N, C-alpha and C. Protein backbone atom coordinates (compact mmCIF):
# COMPACT_ATOMS: atom_id res chain seq x y z
N MET A 1 0.97 -0.99 0.11
CA MET A 1 -0.03 -0.14 0.19
C MET A 1 0.91 1.19 -0.17
N SER A 2 0.47 2.33 -0.84
CA SER A 2 1.31 3.66 -0.91
C SER A 2 1.16 4.53 0.24
N SER A 3 2.01 5.16 0.36
CA SER A 3 1.84 6.25 1.60
C SER A 3 0.91 7.32 1.47
N GLU A 4 0.40 7.35 0.27
CA GLU A 4 -0.85 8.33 -0.36
C GLU A 4 -2.00 7.61 0.01
N GLY A 5 -2.14 6.22 -0.04
CA GLY A 5 -3.40 5.96 0.45
C GLY A 5 -3.41 5.59 2.12
N ARG A 6 -2.63 5.62 2.95
CA ARG A 6 -2.61 5.51 4.14
C ARG A 6 -2.90 7.15 4.72
N GLY A 7 -2.30 7.94 4.23
CA GLY A 7 -2.68 9.33 4.53
C GLY A 7 -4.01 9.54 4.60
N SER A 8 -4.75 9.29 3.29
CA SER A 8 -6.14 9.26 3.13
C SER A 8 -6.91 8.90 4.09
N ALA A 9 -6.83 7.77 4.54
CA ALA A 9 -7.36 7.02 5.55
C ALA A 9 -7.17 7.86 6.93
N GLY A 10 -6.06 8.27 7.24
CA GLY A 10 -5.77 8.85 8.42
C GLY A 10 -6.58 9.95 8.26
N ARG A 11 -6.58 10.99 7.15
CA ARG A 11 -7.41 12.29 7.42
C ARG A 11 -8.96 11.87 7.38
N ALA A 12 -9.38 10.79 6.75
CA ALA A 12 -10.87 10.51 6.85
C ALA A 12 -11.03 9.96 8.36
N MET A 13 -10.19 9.36 8.98
CA MET A 13 -10.37 8.97 10.65
C MET A 13 -10.37 10.15 11.44
N VAL A 14 -9.63 10.97 11.09
CA VAL A 14 -9.74 12.62 12.01
C VAL A 14 -11.03 13.36 11.50
N ILE A 15 -11.39 12.99 10.39
CA ILE A 15 -12.63 13.97 10.35
C ILE A 15 -13.74 13.26 10.69
N ILE A 16 -14.03 11.69 10.91
CA ILE A 16 -14.76 11.15 11.53
C ILE A 16 -14.94 11.57 12.79
N MET A 17 -13.46 11.18 13.59
CA MET A 17 -13.45 11.79 14.83
C MET A 17 -13.77 13.30 15.28
N VAL A 18 -13.53 14.12 14.71
CA VAL A 18 -14.13 15.70 14.97
C VAL A 18 -15.26 15.72 14.78
N ALA A 19 -16.02 15.04 13.81
CA ALA A 19 -17.62 15.03 13.77
C ALA A 19 -18.10 14.25 14.95
N LEU A 20 -17.70 13.56 15.38
CA LEU A 20 -18.14 12.68 16.72
C LEU A 20 -18.03 13.69 18.04
N VAL A 21 -17.10 14.18 17.95
CA VAL A 21 -16.85 15.12 19.03
C VAL A 21 -17.96 16.33 19.08
N TYR A 22 -18.03 17.00 17.50
CA TYR A 22 -19.01 17.78 17.59
C TYR A 22 -20.32 17.48 17.89
N LEU A 23 -20.69 16.28 17.71
CA LEU A 23 -22.31 15.81 18.00
C LEU A 23 -22.09 15.82 19.27
N LEU A 24 -21.33 15.09 20.00
CA LEU A 24 -21.41 14.68 21.58
C LEU A 24 -21.44 16.08 22.25
N ILE A 25 -20.66 17.13 22.05
CA ILE A 25 -20.64 18.53 22.39
C ILE A 25 -22.29 19.22 22.41
N HIS A 26 -22.78 19.18 21.17
CA HIS A 26 -24.10 19.71 20.76
C HIS A 26 -25.14 18.83 21.00
N SER A 27 -24.88 17.92 21.64
CA SER A 27 -26.20 16.87 21.90
C SER A 27 -27.05 17.32 22.99
N ASN A 28 -26.36 17.90 24.07
CA ASN A 28 -27.18 18.69 25.16
C ASN A 28 -28.05 19.79 24.48
N ARG A 29 -27.89 20.37 23.65
CA ARG A 29 -28.81 21.16 23.29
C ARG A 29 -30.13 20.76 22.71
N VAL A 30 -29.97 19.54 21.88
CA VAL A 30 -31.07 18.68 21.43
C VAL A 30 -31.99 18.28 22.45
N HIS A 31 -31.39 17.85 23.58
CA HIS A 31 -32.23 17.10 24.35
C HIS A 31 -32.49 18.02 25.61
N GLY A 32 -31.76 19.12 25.92
CA GLY A 32 -31.96 19.92 26.80
C GLY A 32 -31.47 19.12 28.34
N ALA A 33 -31.68 20.15 28.94
CA ALA A 33 -31.18 19.66 30.77
C ALA A 33 -32.64 19.29 31.35
N THR A 34 -32.45 18.06 32.49
CA THR A 34 -33.42 18.14 33.20
C THR A 34 -33.30 18.63 34.88
N TYR A 35 -34.53 18.85 34.97
CA TYR A 35 -34.67 19.86 36.33
C TYR A 35 -35.48 18.95 37.33
N THR A 36 -35.12 18.60 38.56
CA THR A 36 -36.31 18.06 39.60
C THR A 36 -37.07 19.06 40.06
N VAL A 37 -38.04 19.28 39.80
CA VAL A 37 -38.91 20.28 40.42
C VAL A 37 -38.87 20.12 42.24
N GLY A 38 -38.53 21.02 42.90
CA GLY A 38 -38.64 21.09 44.38
C GLY A 38 -37.54 20.38 44.79
N GLY A 39 -36.02 20.23 43.82
CA GLY A 39 -35.32 19.47 44.33
C GLY A 39 -35.50 18.25 44.76
N SER A 40 -34.43 17.93 46.05
CA SER A 40 -34.58 16.65 46.65
C SER A 40 -35.82 16.46 47.13
N ALA A 41 -36.77 17.39 47.82
CA ALA A 41 -37.84 17.44 48.45
C ALA A 41 -39.14 16.77 47.52
N GLY A 42 -38.83 17.16 46.24
CA GLY A 42 -39.87 17.14 45.02
C GLY A 42 -41.02 18.06 45.09
N TRP A 43 -41.95 17.41 44.16
CA TRP A 43 -43.00 18.19 43.95
C TRP A 43 -44.16 18.23 45.22
N ASN A 44 -44.00 19.22 45.95
CA ASN A 44 -44.80 19.40 47.33
C ASN A 44 -45.08 20.82 47.53
N PHE A 45 -45.61 20.73 48.76
CA PHE A 45 -46.31 22.25 49.28
C PHE A 45 -44.87 23.32 49.18
N ASN A 46 -45.45 24.48 48.92
CA ASN A 46 -44.21 25.50 48.79
C ASN A 46 -43.34 25.52 47.87
N THR A 47 -43.46 24.95 46.79
CA THR A 47 -42.65 25.09 45.42
C THR A 47 -42.70 26.09 44.45
N VAL A 48 -43.51 26.97 44.97
CA VAL A 48 -43.92 28.10 43.78
C VAL A 48 -42.66 28.74 43.84
N SER A 49 -41.93 29.21 44.71
CA SER A 49 -40.83 29.85 44.48
C SER A 49 -39.32 29.04 43.75
N TRP A 50 -39.58 27.77 43.72
CA TRP A 50 -38.59 26.68 43.01
C TRP A 50 -37.85 27.47 41.96
N PRO A 51 -38.53 27.64 40.86
CA PRO A 51 -38.12 28.12 39.61
C PRO A 51 -37.10 29.72 39.64
N LYS A 52 -37.40 30.25 40.63
CA LYS A 52 -36.45 31.59 40.93
C LYS A 52 -35.09 31.15 40.77
N GLY A 53 -34.51 32.13 39.93
CA GLY A 53 -32.92 32.01 39.64
C GLY A 53 -32.32 30.89 38.86
N LYS A 54 -33.62 30.03 38.03
CA LYS A 54 -33.22 29.26 37.11
C LYS A 54 -33.27 29.83 35.78
N SER A 55 -32.31 29.28 34.84
CA SER A 55 -32.34 29.91 33.33
C SER A 55 -32.86 28.47 32.51
N LEU A 56 -34.05 28.43 32.45
CA LEU A 56 -34.80 27.37 31.86
C LEU A 56 -35.06 27.71 30.20
N LYS A 57 -34.69 26.79 29.60
CA LYS A 57 -35.13 26.83 28.19
C LYS A 57 -36.18 25.85 27.38
N ALA A 58 -36.60 26.05 26.56
CA ALA A 58 -37.58 25.21 25.61
C ALA A 58 -36.58 24.20 25.32
N GLY A 59 -37.46 22.90 25.56
CA GLY A 59 -36.72 21.56 25.36
C GLY A 59 -36.32 20.89 26.62
N ASP A 60 -35.94 21.87 27.95
CA ASP A 60 -35.41 21.13 28.74
C ASP A 60 -36.80 20.40 29.53
N VAL A 61 -36.24 19.80 30.32
CA VAL A 61 -37.55 18.64 31.01
C VAL A 61 -37.46 19.01 32.57
N LEU A 62 -38.74 19.20 32.92
CA LEU A 62 -39.29 19.17 34.18
C LEU A 62 -39.49 17.77 34.60
N ALA A 63 -38.96 17.37 35.90
CA ALA A 63 -39.07 16.07 36.66
C ALA A 63 -40.06 16.49 37.91
N PHE A 64 -41.08 15.84 37.88
CA PHE A 64 -42.00 15.94 38.82
C PHE A 64 -42.10 14.60 39.64
N ASN A 65 -41.60 14.51 40.78
CA ASN A 65 -41.53 13.28 41.63
C ASN A 65 -42.40 13.74 42.90
N TYR A 66 -42.91 12.56 43.19
CA TYR A 66 -44.30 12.87 44.23
C TYR A 66 -45.05 11.50 44.45
N ASP A 67 -45.60 11.72 45.51
CA ASP A 67 -46.58 10.45 45.85
C ASP A 67 -48.16 10.71 45.23
N SER A 68 -48.08 9.91 44.25
CA SER A 68 -49.18 9.84 43.41
C SER A 68 -50.35 9.72 44.03
N THR A 69 -50.57 9.11 45.55
CA THR A 69 -51.76 9.04 46.03
C THR A 69 -52.08 10.25 46.80
N LEU A 70 -51.05 10.98 46.71
CA LEU A 70 -51.35 12.65 47.37
C LEU A 70 -51.64 13.61 46.37
N HIS A 71 -50.85 13.46 45.16
CA HIS A 71 -50.76 14.89 44.57
C HIS A 71 -50.93 14.36 43.16
N ASN A 72 -50.80 15.17 42.03
CA ASN A 72 -50.75 15.19 40.68
C ASN A 72 -50.12 16.23 40.20
N VAL A 73 -50.08 16.43 38.87
CA VAL A 73 -49.59 17.87 38.04
C VAL A 73 -50.40 17.96 36.98
N VAL A 74 -50.95 19.28 37.01
CA VAL A 74 -51.74 19.72 36.07
C VAL A 74 -51.18 20.91 35.09
N ALA A 75 -51.03 20.70 33.69
CA ALA A 75 -50.64 21.90 33.14
C ALA A 75 -51.71 22.70 32.60
N VAL A 76 -51.45 23.89 32.93
CA VAL A 76 -52.39 25.09 32.93
C VAL A 76 -52.18 26.23 32.39
N ASN A 77 -53.32 27.03 32.07
CA ASN A 77 -52.85 28.32 31.43
C ASN A 77 -52.88 29.38 32.29
N LYS A 78 -52.45 30.68 32.34
CA LYS A 78 -52.21 31.34 33.09
C LYS A 78 -53.24 31.72 34.11
N GLY A 79 -54.56 31.85 33.58
CA GLY A 79 -55.82 31.75 34.37
C GLY A 79 -55.97 30.64 35.47
N GLY A 80 -55.77 29.64 34.81
CA GLY A 80 -55.66 28.07 35.79
C GLY A 80 -54.64 28.44 37.13
N TYR A 81 -53.66 29.05 36.39
CA TYR A 81 -52.37 29.02 37.46
C TYR A 81 -52.87 30.32 38.76
N SER A 82 -53.49 31.31 38.08
CA SER A 82 -53.68 32.36 39.01
C SER A 82 -54.89 31.98 39.97
N SER A 83 -56.01 31.07 39.25
CA SER A 83 -57.07 31.06 40.34
C SER A 83 -56.75 29.75 40.99
N CYS A 84 -56.16 28.85 40.23
CA CYS A 84 -55.94 27.78 41.06
C CYS A 84 -57.11 26.65 40.53
N THR A 85 -57.46 26.72 39.48
CA THR A 85 -58.57 25.82 38.86
C THR A 85 -58.02 25.29 37.76
N THR A 86 -58.47 24.13 37.23
CA THR A 86 -58.16 23.30 36.16
C THR A 86 -59.05 23.74 35.09
N PRO A 87 -58.29 24.10 33.71
CA PRO A 87 -59.25 24.55 32.52
C PRO A 87 -59.61 23.48 31.87
N ALA A 88 -60.85 23.37 31.21
CA ALA A 88 -61.12 22.14 30.38
C ALA A 88 -60.11 21.80 29.51
N GLY A 89 -60.09 20.27 29.40
CA GLY A 89 -58.98 19.92 28.09
C GLY A 89 -57.61 20.03 28.97
N ALA A 90 -57.21 20.25 30.14
CA ALA A 90 -55.97 20.49 30.62
C ALA A 90 -55.66 18.98 30.81
N LYS A 91 -54.07 18.91 30.67
CA LYS A 91 -53.32 17.86 30.73
C LYS A 91 -53.07 17.43 32.12
N VAL A 92 -53.62 16.32 32.72
CA VAL A 92 -53.27 15.90 34.15
C VAL A 92 -52.45 14.60 34.05
N TYR A 93 -51.42 14.94 34.91
CA TYR A 93 -50.28 13.77 35.18
C TYR A 93 -50.33 13.04 36.44
N GLN A 94 -50.45 12.12 36.90
CA GLN A 94 -50.62 11.45 38.04
C GLN A 94 -49.80 10.19 38.10
N SER A 95 -48.70 10.06 37.23
CA SER A 95 -47.79 8.79 37.70
C SER A 95 -46.86 9.06 38.82
N GLY A 96 -46.51 10.04 39.23
CA GLY A 96 -45.68 10.26 40.58
C GLY A 96 -44.26 10.28 40.02
N ASN A 97 -43.94 10.21 38.74
CA ASN A 97 -42.75 10.70 38.47
C ASN A 97 -42.77 11.15 36.94
N ASP A 98 -43.45 12.28 36.57
CA ASP A 98 -43.73 12.62 35.38
C ASP A 98 -42.57 13.77 35.11
N LYS A 99 -42.41 13.45 33.75
CA LYS A 99 -41.34 14.27 32.85
C LYS A 99 -41.94 15.05 31.87
N ILE A 100 -41.95 16.39 32.25
CA ILE A 100 -42.80 17.17 31.06
C ILE A 100 -41.53 18.12 30.42
N LYS A 101 -41.81 18.21 28.83
CA LYS A 101 -40.65 19.02 28.35
C LYS A 101 -41.38 20.48 28.25
N LEU A 102 -40.59 21.63 28.58
CA LEU A 102 -41.25 22.90 28.51
C LEU A 102 -41.20 23.32 26.91
N VAL A 103 -42.02 24.22 26.89
CA VAL A 103 -42.09 24.60 25.65
C VAL A 103 -41.74 26.39 25.52
N LYS A 104 -41.27 26.92 24.68
CA LYS A 104 -40.89 28.63 24.55
C LYS A 104 -42.14 28.95 25.16
N GLY A 105 -41.64 29.89 26.57
CA GLY A 105 -42.59 31.13 26.87
C GLY A 105 -43.03 30.62 28.07
N GLN A 106 -44.31 30.75 28.59
CA GLN A 106 -44.62 30.54 29.79
C GLN A 106 -45.43 29.37 29.90
N ASN A 107 -44.99 28.37 30.97
CA ASN A 107 -45.05 27.25 31.39
C ASN A 107 -45.93 27.16 32.66
N PHE A 108 -47.10 26.65 32.89
CA PHE A 108 -47.57 26.68 34.16
C PHE A 108 -48.19 25.19 34.81
N PHE A 109 -48.10 24.98 35.98
CA PHE A 109 -48.15 23.74 36.55
C PHE A 109 -48.56 23.99 37.94
N ILE A 110 -49.94 23.00 38.30
CA ILE A 110 -50.41 22.94 39.65
C ILE A 110 -51.02 21.86 39.95
N CYS A 111 -50.97 21.37 41.44
CA CYS A 111 -51.54 20.35 42.14
C CYS A 111 -52.98 20.81 42.12
N ASN A 112 -53.87 20.11 41.47
CA ASN A 112 -55.16 20.20 41.69
C ASN A 112 -56.16 19.51 42.76
N TYR A 113 -55.35 18.62 43.62
CA TYR A 113 -56.24 18.30 44.76
C TYR A 113 -56.45 19.68 45.52
N ALA A 114 -57.47 19.33 46.20
CA ALA A 114 -58.35 20.38 46.99
C ALA A 114 -57.19 21.10 48.07
N GLY A 115 -57.00 22.39 47.81
CA GLY A 115 -56.10 23.08 48.52
C GLY A 115 -54.62 22.93 48.41
N HIS A 116 -54.28 22.28 47.73
CA HIS A 116 -52.71 21.88 47.23
C HIS A 116 -52.48 23.31 46.47
N CYS A 117 -52.89 23.52 45.47
CA CYS A 117 -52.61 24.55 44.92
C CYS A 117 -52.48 26.01 45.81
N GLU A 118 -53.21 26.13 46.42
CA GLU A 118 -53.56 27.45 47.26
C GLU A 118 -52.59 27.61 48.31
N SER A 119 -52.15 26.41 48.66
CA SER A 119 -50.94 26.23 49.45
C SER A 119 -49.36 26.24 48.97
N GLY A 120 -49.40 26.61 47.80
CA GLY A 120 -47.99 26.73 46.96
C GLY A 120 -47.59 25.88 46.03
N MET A 121 -48.54 24.95 45.57
CA MET A 121 -48.15 23.68 44.90
C MET A 121 -48.47 24.16 43.79
N LYS A 122 -47.80 25.10 43.12
CA LYS A 122 -47.78 25.34 41.81
C LYS A 122 -46.74 26.27 41.32
N ILE A 123 -46.22 26.14 40.06
CA ILE A 123 -44.94 26.79 39.54
C ILE A 123 -45.42 27.26 38.09
N ALA A 124 -44.56 28.33 37.91
CA ALA A 124 -44.93 29.47 36.50
C ALA A 124 -43.31 29.18 36.20
N VAL A 125 -43.02 28.87 34.91
CA VAL A 125 -41.75 28.67 34.45
C VAL A 125 -41.78 29.43 33.18
N ASN A 126 -40.85 30.48 32.77
CA ASN A 126 -40.58 30.84 31.34
C ASN A 126 -39.28 30.50 30.94
N ALA A 127 -39.70 29.83 29.82
CA ALA A 127 -38.67 28.98 28.99
C ALA A 127 -38.31 29.68 27.82
N VAL A 128 -37.11 30.11 27.87
CA VAL A 128 -36.77 31.00 26.57
C VAL A 128 -36.17 30.25 25.45
């Protein structure tokens, strides 16, 4: 085999390696980050201030961990968030381990069990 042939194979390998490194570096942008709502305490009372200081992006995932016999998660609009009510057609999550991808703009979530939202079991997140 000539040295020219080996050089071409070496360049091809370098190009492949550079492309793989590029994909690995930028794959986080495609999948987004995952945030556990409420931290180690999980989705519970008084989580209303949990989003403060966080820079959340569209495509990031919120992990809601909770006891499904005591709570749920409901994706609501601003009115539902403000009044602690569940609008018709709202998506209700009840697995106790829900993963919800943020959309660009305002995202609102409440627990609609009696009195829970009013006790601070709600969050409003602005994803950029």
